[in-house]
Amino acid sequence: MALWSLTEERVNSLIEQMNKKKEEHDALEKTDIFDIWRDDIDKMLEVLEEIELREEEERLAEGQVNNDGKKKGKRKAPVKAAVKA
């Protein structure tokens, strides 16, 4: 950052950002590591559920799955057991 770009407003903004980050740091430092871990897992599960719902809606919209859960489309030929020579 060029020194000539440091206006009083910019300095005040940076000081405010620094204070917010210090508060976040202090709050995080007081939090138990297992609580942080649980929060991260909960957030991950929420996002995963949203992704799975969106994917299911896309599959239903494309007509790949009937309402009864069976797939539509071509059937594959059954795989024959290997014959021992």
PDB file of N, CA and C in Angstrom:
ATOM      1  N   MET A   1       0.862  -1.162   0.000  1.00  0.00           N
ATOM      2  CA  MET A   1       0.000   0.000   0.000  1.00  0.00           C
ATOM      3  C   MET A   1       0.909   1.226   0.000  1.00  0.00           C
ATOM      4  N   ALA A   2       0.642   2.092  -0.939  1.00  0.00           N
ATOM      5  CA  ALA A   2       1.446   3.304  -1.045  1.00  0.00           C
ATOM      6  C   ALA A   2       1.107   4.250   0.096  1.00  0.00           C
ATOM      7  N   LEU A   3       2.126   4.908   0.583  1.00  0.00           N
ATOM      8  CA  LEU A   3       1.946   5.811   1.721  1.00  0.00           C
ATOM      9  C   LEU A   3       1.026   6.975   1.370  1.00  0.00           C
ATOM     10  N   TRP A   4       1.060   7.439   0.134  1.00  0.00           N
ATOM     11  CA  TRP A   4       0.238   8.587  -0.252  1.00  0.00           C
ATOM     12  C   TRP A   4      -1.248   8.247  -0.266  1.00  0.00           C
ATOM     13  N   SER A   5      -1.595   6.934  -0.285  1.00  0.00           N
ATOM     14  CA  SER A   5      -3.003   6.536  -0.310  1.00  0.00           C
ATOM     15  C   SER A   5      -3.605   6.428   1.092  1.00  0.00           C
ATOM     16  N   LEU A   6      -2.811   6.636   2.128  1.00  0.00           N
ATOM     17  CA  LEU A   6      -3.315   6.531   3.497  1.00  0.00           C
ATOM     18  C   LEU A   6      -3.965   7.846   3.922  1.00  0.00           C
ATOM     19  N   THR A   7      -5.250   7.905   3.729  1.00  0.00           N
ATOM     20  CA  THR A   7      -5.993   9.062   4.210  1.00  0.00           C
ATOM     21  C   THR A   7      -6.455   8.774   5.628  1.00  0.00           C
ATOM     22  N   GLU A   8      -6.956   9.777   6.275  1.00  0.00           N
ATOM     23  CA  GLU A   8      -7.436   9.589   7.644  1.00  0.00           C
ATOM     24  C   GLU A   8      -8.594   8.596   7.679  1.00  0.00           C
ATOM     25  N   GLU A   9      -9.464   8.644   6.671  1.00  0.00           N
ATOM     26  CA  GLU A   9     -10.595   7.716   6.609  1.00  0.00           C
ATOM     27  C   GLU A   9     -10.099   6.281   6.427  1.00  0.00           C
ATOM     28  N   ARG A  10      -9.089   6.140   5.569  1.00  0.00           N
ATOM     29  CA  ARG A  10      -8.543   4.804   5.320  1.00  0.00           C
ATOM     30  C   ARG A  10      -7.866   4.260   6.580  1.00  0.00           C
ATOM     31  N   VAL A  11      -7.149   5.095   7.292  1.00  0.00           N
ATOM     32  CA  VAL A  11      -6.497   4.672   8.536  1.00  0.00           C
ATOM     33  C   VAL A  11      -7.545   4.252   9.550  1.00  0.00           C
ATOM     34  N   ASN A  12      -8.615   5.031   9.682  1.00  0.00           N
ATOM     35  CA  ASN A  12      -9.686   4.697  10.626  1.00  0.00           C
ATOM     36  C   ASN A  12     -10.357   3.379  10.242  1.00  0.00           C
ATOM     37  N   SER A  13     -10.534   3.173   8.946  1.00  0.00           N
ATOM     38  CA  SER A  13     -11.137   1.932   8.471  1.00  0.00           C
ATOM     39  C   SER A  13     -10.252   0.738   8.812  1.00  0.00           C
ATOM     40  N   LEU A  14      -8.958   0.891   8.609  1.00  0.00           N
ATOM     41  CA  LEU A  14      -8.029  -0.198   8.921  1.00  0.00           C
ATOM     42  C   LEU A  14      -7.983  -0.480  10.418  1.00  0.00           C
ATOM     43  N   ILE A  15      -8.028   0.543  11.231  1.00  0.00           N
ATOM     44  CA  ILE A  15      -8.039   0.360  12.682  1.00  0.00           C
ATOM     45  C   ILE A  15      -9.311  -0.375  13.112  1.00  0.00           C
ATOM     46  N   GLU A  16     -10.432  -0.006  12.504  1.00  0.00           N
ATOM     47  CA  GLU A  16     -11.703  -0.668  12.815  1.00  0.00           C
ATOM     48  C   GLU A  16     -11.646  -2.144  12.423  1.00  0.00           C
ATOM     49  N   GLN A  17     -11.099  -2.444  11.241  1.00  0.00           N
ATOM     50  CA  GLN A  17     -10.946  -3.836  10.814  1.00  0.00           C
ATOM     51  C   GLN A  17     -10.043  -4.608  11.770  1.00  0.00           C
ATOM     52  N   MET A  18      -8.971  -3.974  12.211  1.00  0.00           N
ATOM     53  CA  MET A  18      -8.044  -4.615  13.134  1.00  0.00           C
ATOM     54  C   MET A  18      -8.743  -4.943  14.456  1.00  0.00           C
ATOM     55  N   ASN A  19      -9.551  -4.025  14.966  1.00  0.00           N
ATOM     56  CA  ASN A  19     -10.260  -4.259  16.223  1.00  0.00           C
ATOM     57  C   ASN A  19     -11.264  -5.402  16.094  1.00  0.00           C
ATOM     58  N   LYS A  20     -11.964  -5.467  14.948  1.00  0.00           N
ATOM     59  CA  LYS A  20     -12.908  -6.562  14.729  1.00  0.00           C
ATOM     60  C   LYS A  20     -12.187  -7.898  14.696  1.00  0.00           C
ATOM     61  N   LYS A  21     -11.054  -7.937  14.029  1.00  0.00           N
ATOM     62  CA  LYS A  21     -10.289  -9.184  13.945  1.00  0.00           C
ATOM     63  C   LYS A  21      -9.749  -9.590  15.316  1.00  0.00           C
ATOM     64  N   LYS A  22      -9.362  -8.631  16.114  1.00  0.00           N
ATOM     65  CA  LYS A  22      -8.909  -8.944  17.471  1.00  0.00           C
ATOM     66  C   LYS A  22     -10.039  -9.538  18.297  1.00  0.00           C
ATOM     67  N   GLU A  23     -11.242  -8.984  18.160  1.00  0.00           N
ATOM     68  CA  GLU A  23     -12.397  -9.524  18.882  1.00  0.00           C
ATOM     69  C   GLU A  23     -12.699 -10.944  18.426  1.00  0.00           C
ATOM     70  N   GLU A  24     -12.651 -11.186  17.109  1.00  0.00           N
ATOM     71  CA  GLU A  24     -12.883 -12.534  16.593  1.00  0.00           C
ATOM     72  C   GLU A  24     -11.824 -13.497  17.126  1.00  0.00           C
ATOM     73  N   HIS A  25     -10.598 -13.048  17.150  1.00  0.00           N
ATOM     74  CA  HIS A  25      -9.503 -13.878  17.652  1.00  0.00           C
ATOM     75  C   HIS A  25      -9.705 -14.223  19.119  1.00  0.00           C
ATOM     76  N   ASP A  26     -10.061 -13.219  19.911  1.00  0.00           N
ATOM     77  CA  ASP A  26     -10.261 -13.454  21.340  1.00  0.00           C
ATOM     78  C   ASP A  26     -11.415 -14.427  21.587  1.00  0.00           C
ATOM     79  N   ALA A  27     -12.502 -14.268  20.835  1.00  0.00           N
ATOM     80  CA  ALA A  27     -13.643 -15.174  20.993  1.00  0.00           C
ATOM     81  C   ALA A  27     -13.264 -16.590  20.588  1.00  0.00           C
ATOM     82  N   LEU A  28     -12.510 -16.712  19.518  1.00  0.00           N
ATOM     83  CA  LEU A  28     -12.089 -18.029  19.059  1.00  0.00           C
ATOM     84  C   LEU A  28     -11.118 -18.671  20.039  1.00  0.00           C
ATOM     85  N   GLU A  29     -10.266 -17.875  20.617  1.00  0.00           N
ATOM     86  CA  GLU A  29      -9.296 -18.395  21.582  1.00  0.00           C
ATOM     87  C   GLU A  29      -9.986 -18.907  22.851  1.00  0.00           C
ATOM     88  N   LYS A  30     -11.109 -18.312  23.224  1.00  0.00           N
ATOM     89  CA  LYS A  30     -11.843 -18.731  24.415  1.00  0.00           C
ATOM     90  C   LYS A  30     -12.689 -19.975  24.163  1.00  0.00           C
ATOM     91  N   THR A  31     -12.940 -20.293  22.908  1.00  0.00           N
ATOM     92  CA  THR A  31     -13.799 -21.419  22.557  1.00  0.00           C
ATOM     93  C   THR A  31     -13.017 -22.720  22.655  1.00  0.00           C
ATOM     94  N   ASP A  32     -13.663 -23.742  23.215  1.00  0.00           N
ATOM     95  CA  ASP A  32     -13.046 -25.052  23.330  1.00  0.00           C
ATOM     96  C   ASP A  32     -12.861 -25.649  21.939  1.00  0.00           C
ATOM     97  N   ILE A  33     -11.778 -26.354  21.750  1.00  0.00           N
ATOM     98  CA  ILE A  33     -11.452 -26.898  20.430  1.00  0.00           C
ATOM     99  C   ILE A  33     -12.517 -27.893  19.969  1.00  0.00           C
ATOM    100  N   PHE A  34     -13.111 -28.629  20.883  1.00  0.00           N
ATOM    101  CA  PHE A  34     -14.149 -29.591  20.515  1.00  0.00           C
ATOM    102  C   PHE A  34     -15.424 -28.882  20.067  1.00  0.00           C
ATOM    103  N   ASP A  35     -15.710 -27.722  20.661  1.00  0.00           N
ATOM    104  CA  ASP A  35     -16.859 -26.939  20.213  1.00  0.00           C
ATOM    105  C   ASP A  35     -16.645 -26.409  18.797  1.00  0.00           C
ATOM    106  N   ILE A  36     -15.426 -25.990  18.504  1.00  0.00           N
ATOM    107  CA  ILE A  36     -15.106 -25.525  17.152  1.00  0.00           C
ATOM    108  C   ILE A  36     -15.272 -26.670  16.167  1.00  0.00           C
ATOM    109  N   TRP A  37     -14.778 -27.846  16.554  1.00  0.00           N
ATOM    110  CA  TRP A  37     -14.883 -29.021  15.701  1.00  0.00           C
ATOM    111  C   TRP A  37     -16.341 -29.379  15.446  1.00  0.00           C
ATOM    112  N   ARG A  38     -17.157 -29.385  16.505  1.00  0.00           N
ATOM    113  CA  ARG A  38     -18.587 -29.710  16.357  1.00  0.00           C
ATOM    114  C   ARG A  38     -19.292 -28.695  15.459  1.00  0.00           C
ATOM    115  N   ASP A  39     -18.979 -27.418  15.630  1.00  0.00           N
ATOM    116  CA  ASP A  39     -19.587 -26.385  14.787  1.00  0.00           C
ATOM    117  C   ASP A  39     -19.218 -26.595  13.321  1.00  0.00           C
ATOM    118  N   ASP A  40     -17.961 -26.914  13.059  1.00  0.00           N
ATOM    119  CA  ASP A  40     -17.524 -27.156  11.687  1.00  0.00           C
ATOM    120  C   ASP A  40     -18.242 -28.364  11.092  1.00  0.00           C
ATOM    121  N   ILE A  41     -18.377 -29.421  11.873  1.00  0.00           N
ATOM    122  CA  ILE A  41     -19.074 -30.620  11.391  1.00  0.00           C
ATOM    123  C   ILE A  41     -20.538 -30.305  11.117  1.00  0.00           C
ATOM    124  N   ASP A  42     -21.195 -29.555  12.007  1.00  0.00           N
ATOM    125  CA  ASP A  42     -22.595 -29.186  11.801  1.00  0.00           C
ATOM    126  C   ASP A  42     -22.774 -28.365  10.524  1.00  0.00           C
ATOM    127  N   LYS A  43     -21.892 -27.414  10.305  1.00  0.00           N
ATOM    128  CA  LYS A  43     -21.972 -26.596   9.089  1.00  0.00           C
ATOM    129  C   LYS A  43     -21.757 -27.450   7.845  1.00  0.00           C
ATOM    130  N   MET A  44     -20.796 -28.373   7.912  1.00  0.00           N
ATOM    131  CA  MET A  44     -20.528 -29.248   6.781  1.00  0.00           C
ATOM    132  C   MET A  44     -21.744 -30.123   6.464  1.00  0.00           C
ATOM    133  N   LEU A  45     -22.398 -30.650   7.499  1.00  0.00           N
ATOM    134  CA  LEU A  45     -23.574 -31.498   7.289  1.00  0.00           C
ATOM    135  C   LEU A  45     -24.725 -30.715   6.687  1.00  0.00           C
ATOM    136  N   GLU A  46     -24.901 -29.459   7.111  1.00  0.00           N
ATOM    137  CA  GLU A  46     -25.952 -28.614   6.537  1.00  0.00           C
ATOM    138  C   GLU A  46     -25.715 -28.401   5.048  1.00  0.00           C
ATOM    139  N   VAL A  47     -24.490 -28.097   4.695  1.00  0.00           N
ATOM    140  CA  VAL A  47     -24.165 -27.872   3.286  1.00  0.00           C
ATOM    141  C   VAL A  47     -24.328 -29.160   2.494  1.00  0.00           C
ATOM    142  N   LEU A  48     -23.907 -30.276   3.054  1.00  0.00           N
ATOM    143  CA  LEU A  48     -24.041 -31.561   2.379  1.00  0.00           C
ATOM    144  C   LEU A  48     -25.510 -31.901   2.132  1.00  0.00           C
ATOM    145  N   GLU A  49     -26.369 -31.658   3.115  1.00  0.00           N
ATOM    146  CA  GLU A  49     -27.800 -31.919   2.942  1.00  0.00           C
ATOM    147  C   GLU A  49     -28.388 -31.040   1.841  1.00  0.00           C
ATOM    148  N   GLU A  50     -27.986 -29.773   1.793  1.00  0.00           N
ATOM    149  CA  GLU A  50     -28.466 -28.876   0.741  1.00  0.00           C
ATOM    150  C   GLU A  50     -28.037 -29.381  -0.633  1.00  0.00           C
ATOM    151  N   ILE A  51     -26.799 -29.828  -0.746  1.00  0.00           N
ATOM    152  CA  ILE A  51     -26.290 -30.331  -2.027  1.00  0.00           C
ATOM    153  C   ILE A  51     -27.046 -31.589  -2.433  1.00  0.00           C
ATOM    154  N   GLU A  52     -27.272 -32.490  -1.480  1.00  0.00           N
ATOM    155  CA  GLU A  52     -27.994 -33.724  -1.796  1.00  0.00           C
ATOM    156  C   GLU A  52     -29.431 -33.433  -2.214  1.00  0.00           C
ATOM    157  N   LEU A  53     -30.095 -32.493  -1.544  1.00  0.00           N
ATOM    158  CA  LEU A  53     -31.454 -32.126  -1.936  1.00  0.00           C
ATOM    159  C   LEU A  53     -31.481 -31.542  -3.340  1.00  0.00           C
ATOM    160  N   ARG A  54     -30.532 -30.663  -3.638  1.00  0.00           N
ATOM    161  CA  ARG A  54     -30.463 -30.044  -4.961  1.00  0.00           C
ATOM    162  C   ARG A  54     -30.212 -31.106  -6.034  1.00  0.00           C
ATOM    163  N   GLU A  55     -29.318 -32.050  -5.756  1.00  0.00           N
ATOM    164  CA  GLU A  55     -29.045 -33.113  -6.719  1.00  0.00           C
ATOM    165  C   GLU A  55     -30.261 -33.995  -6.931  1.00  0.00           C
ATOM    166  N   GLU A  56     -30.984 -34.292  -5.862  1.00  0.00           N
ATOM    167  CA  GLU A  56     -32.199 -35.113  -5.982  1.00  0.00           C
ATOM    168  C   GLU A  56     -33.255 -34.388  -6.806  1.00  0.00           C
ATOM    169  N   GLU A  57     -33.412 -33.087  -6.575  1.00  0.00           N
ATOM    170  CA  GLU A  57     -34.366 -32.311  -7.362  1.00  0.00           C
ATOM    171  C   GLU A  57     -33.977 -32.295  -8.836  1.00  0.00           C
ATOM    172  N   GLU A  58     -32.685 -32.198  -9.128  1.00  0.00           N
ATOM    173  CA  GLU A  58     -32.224 -32.212 -10.511  1.00  0.00           C
ATOM    174  C   GLU A  58     -32.490 -33.564 -11.163  1.00  0.00           C
ATOM    175  N   ARG A  59     -32.264 -34.660 -10.413  1.00  0.00           N
ATOM    176  CA  ARG A  59     -32.534 -35.991 -10.957  1.00  0.00           C
ATOM    177  C   ARG A  59     -34.013 -36.155 -11.257  1.00  0.00           C
ATOM    178  N   LEU A  60     -34.863 -35.685 -10.350  1.00  0.00           N
ATOM    179  CA  LEU A  60     -36.305 -35.798 -10.570  1.00  0.00           C
ATOM    180  C   LEU A  60     -36.741 -34.945 -11.751  1.00  0.00           C
ATOM    181  N   ALA A  61     -36.155 -33.774 -11.890  1.00  0.00           N
ATOM    182  CA  ALA A  61     -36.501 -32.892 -12.992  1.00  0.00           C
ATOM    183  C   ALA A  61     -36.085 -33.477 -14.339  1.00  0.00           C
ATOM    184  N   GLU A  62     -34.989 -34.201 -14.370  1.00  0.00           N
ATOM    185  CA  GLU A  62     -34.516 -34.815 -15.599  1.00  0.00           C
ATOM    186  C   GLU A  62     -35.256 -36.105 -15.913  1.00  0.00           C
ATOM    187  N   GLY A  63     -36.024 -36.615 -14.959  1.00  0.00           N
ATOM    188  CA  GLY A  63     -36.790 -37.829 -15.186  1.00  0.00           C
ATOM    189  C   GLY A  63     -35.975 -39.093 -15.052  1.00  0.00           C
ATOM    190  N   GLN A  64     -34.871 -39.049 -14.369  1.00  0.00           N
ATOM    191  CA  GLN A  64     -34.042 -40.235 -14.216  1.00  0.00           C
ATOM    192  C   GLN A  64     -34.607 -41.204 -13.185  1.00  0.00           C
ATOM    193  N   VAL A  65     -35.412 -40.716 -12.273  1.00  0.00           N
ATOM    194  CA  VAL A  65     -35.924 -41.571 -11.207  1.00  0.00           C
ATOM    195  C   VAL A  65     -37.426 -41.375 -11.132  1.00  0.00           C
ATOM    196  N   ASN A  66     -38.173 -42.490 -11.059  1.00  0.00           N
ATOM    197  CA  ASN A  66     -39.618 -42.420 -10.860  1.00  0.00           C
ATOM    198  C   ASN A  66     -39.917 -42.036  -9.423  1.00  0.00           C
ATOM    199  N   ASN A  67     -41.159 -41.750  -9.132  1.00  0.00           N
ATOM    200  CA  ASN A  67     -41.555 -41.401  -7.770  1.00  0.00           C
ATOM    201  C   ASN A  67     -41.369 -42.565  -6.806  1.00  0.00           C
ATOM    202  N   ASP A  68     -41.434 -43.796  -7.331  1.00  0.00           N
ATOM    203  CA  ASP A  68     -41.263 -44.951  -6.451  1.00  0.00           C
ATOM    204  C   ASP A  68     -39.793 -45.288  -6.225  1.00  0.00           C
ATOM    205  N   GLY A  69     -38.883 -44.482  -6.765  1.00  0.00           N
ATOM    206  CA  GLY A  69     -37.471 -44.651  -6.512  1.00  0.00           C
ATOM    207  C   GLY A  69     -36.759 -45.545  -7.512  1.00  0.00           C
ATOM    208  N   LYS A  70     -37.521 -46.102  -8.484  1.00  0.00           N
ATOM    209  CA  LYS A  70     -36.892 -46.966  -9.478  1.00  0.00           C
ATOM    210  C   LYS A  70     -36.389 -46.120 -10.638  1.00  0.00           C
ATOM    211  N   LYS A  71     -35.257 -46.524 -11.158  1.00  0.00           N
ATOM    212  CA  LYS A  71     -34.665 -45.788 -12.271  1.00  0.00           C
ATOM    213  C   LYS A  71     -35.424 -46.077 -13.559  1.00  0.00           C
ATOM    214  N   LYS A  72     -35.507 -45.072 -14.401  1.00  0.00           N
ATOM    215  CA  LYS A  72     -36.090 -45.228 -15.719  1.00  0.00           C
ATOM    216  C   LYS A  72     -34.962 -45.425 -16.710  1.00  0.00           C
ATOM    217  N   GLY A  73     -35.319 -45.954 -17.854  1.00  0.00           N
ATOM    218  CA  GLY A  73     -34.325 -46.042 -18.912  1.00  0.00           C
ATOM    219  C   GLY A  73     -34.022 -47.477 -19.290  1.00  0.00           C
ATOM    220  N   LYS A  74     -32.956 -47.625 -20.045  1.00  0.00           N
ATOM    221  CA  LYS A  74     -32.574 -48.930 -20.560  1.00  0.00           C
ATOM    222  C   LYS A  74     -32.061 -49.824 -19.440  1.00  0.00           C
ATOM    223  N   ARG A  75     -32.348 -51.095 -19.610  1.00  0.00           N
ATOM    224  CA  ARG A  75     -31.816 -52.068 -18.658  1.00  0.00           C
ATOM    225  C   ARG A  75     -30.546 -52.660 -19.235  1.00  0.00           C
ATOM    226  N   LYS A  76     -29.628 -52.946 -18.392  1.00  0.00           N
ATOM    227  CA  LYS A  76     -28.395 -53.576 -18.825  1.00  0.00           C
ATOM    228  C   LYS A  76     -28.591 -55.088 -18.834  1.00  0.00           C
ATOM    229  N   ALA A  77     -27.881 -55.726 -19.726  1.00  0.00           N
ATOM    230  CA  ALA A  77     -27.943 -57.186 -19.792  1.00  0.00           C
ATOM    231  C   ALA A  77     -27.293 -57.749 -18.542  1.00  0.00           C
ATOM    232  N   PRO A  78     -27.853 -58.844 -18.007  1.00  0.00           N
ATOM    233  CA  PRO A  78     -27.241 -59.419 -16.801  1.00  0.00           C
ATOM    234  C   PRO A  78     -25.830 -59.938 -17.106  1.00  0.00           C
ATOM    235  N   VAL A  79     -24.985 -59.800 -16.125  1.00  0.00           N
ATOM    236  CA  VAL A  79     -23.603 -60.240 -16.270  1.00  0.00           C
ATOM    237  C   VAL A  79     -23.556 -61.746 -16.047  1.00  0.00           C
ATOM    238  N   LYS A  80     -22.990 -62.455 -17.000  1.00  0.00           N
ATOM    239  CA  LYS A  80     -22.903 -63.913 -16.882  1.00  0.00           C
ATOM    240  C   LYS A  80     -21.668 -64.269 -16.071  1.00  0.00           C
ATOM    241  N   ALA A  81     -21.800 -65.321 -15.296  1.00  0.00           N
ATOM    242  CA  ALA A  81     -20.679 -65.779 -14.490  1.00  0.00           C
ATOM    243  C   ALA A  81     -19.576 -66.307 -15.410  1.00  0.00           C
ATOM    244  N   ALA A  82     -18.371 -66.079 -15.017  1.00  0.00           N
ATOM    245  CA  ALA A  82     -17.222 -66.536 -15.800  1.00  0.00           C
ATOM    246  C   ALA A  82     -17.189 -68.069 -15.824  1.00  0.00           C
ATOM    247  N   VAL A  83     -16.970 -68.598 -16.986  1.00  0.00           N
ATOM    248  CA  VAL A  83     -16.928 -70.045 -17.148  1.00  0.00           C
ATOM    249  C   VAL A  83     -15.493 -70.506 -16.927  1.00  0.00           C
ATOM    250  N   LYS A  84     -15.348 -71.511 -16.058  1.00  0.00           N
ATOM    251  CA  LYS A  84     -14.010 -72.039 -15.801  1.00  0.00           C
ATOM    252  C   LYS A  84     -13.614 -72.952 -16.946  1.00  0.00           C
ATOM    253  N   ALA A  85     -12.405 -72.783 -17.408  1.00  0.00           N
ATOM    254  CA  ALA A  85     -11.938 -73.590 -18.540  1.00  0.00           C
ATOM    255  C   ALA A  85     -11.261 -74.845 -18.080  1.00  0.00           C
TER     256      ALA A  85
END
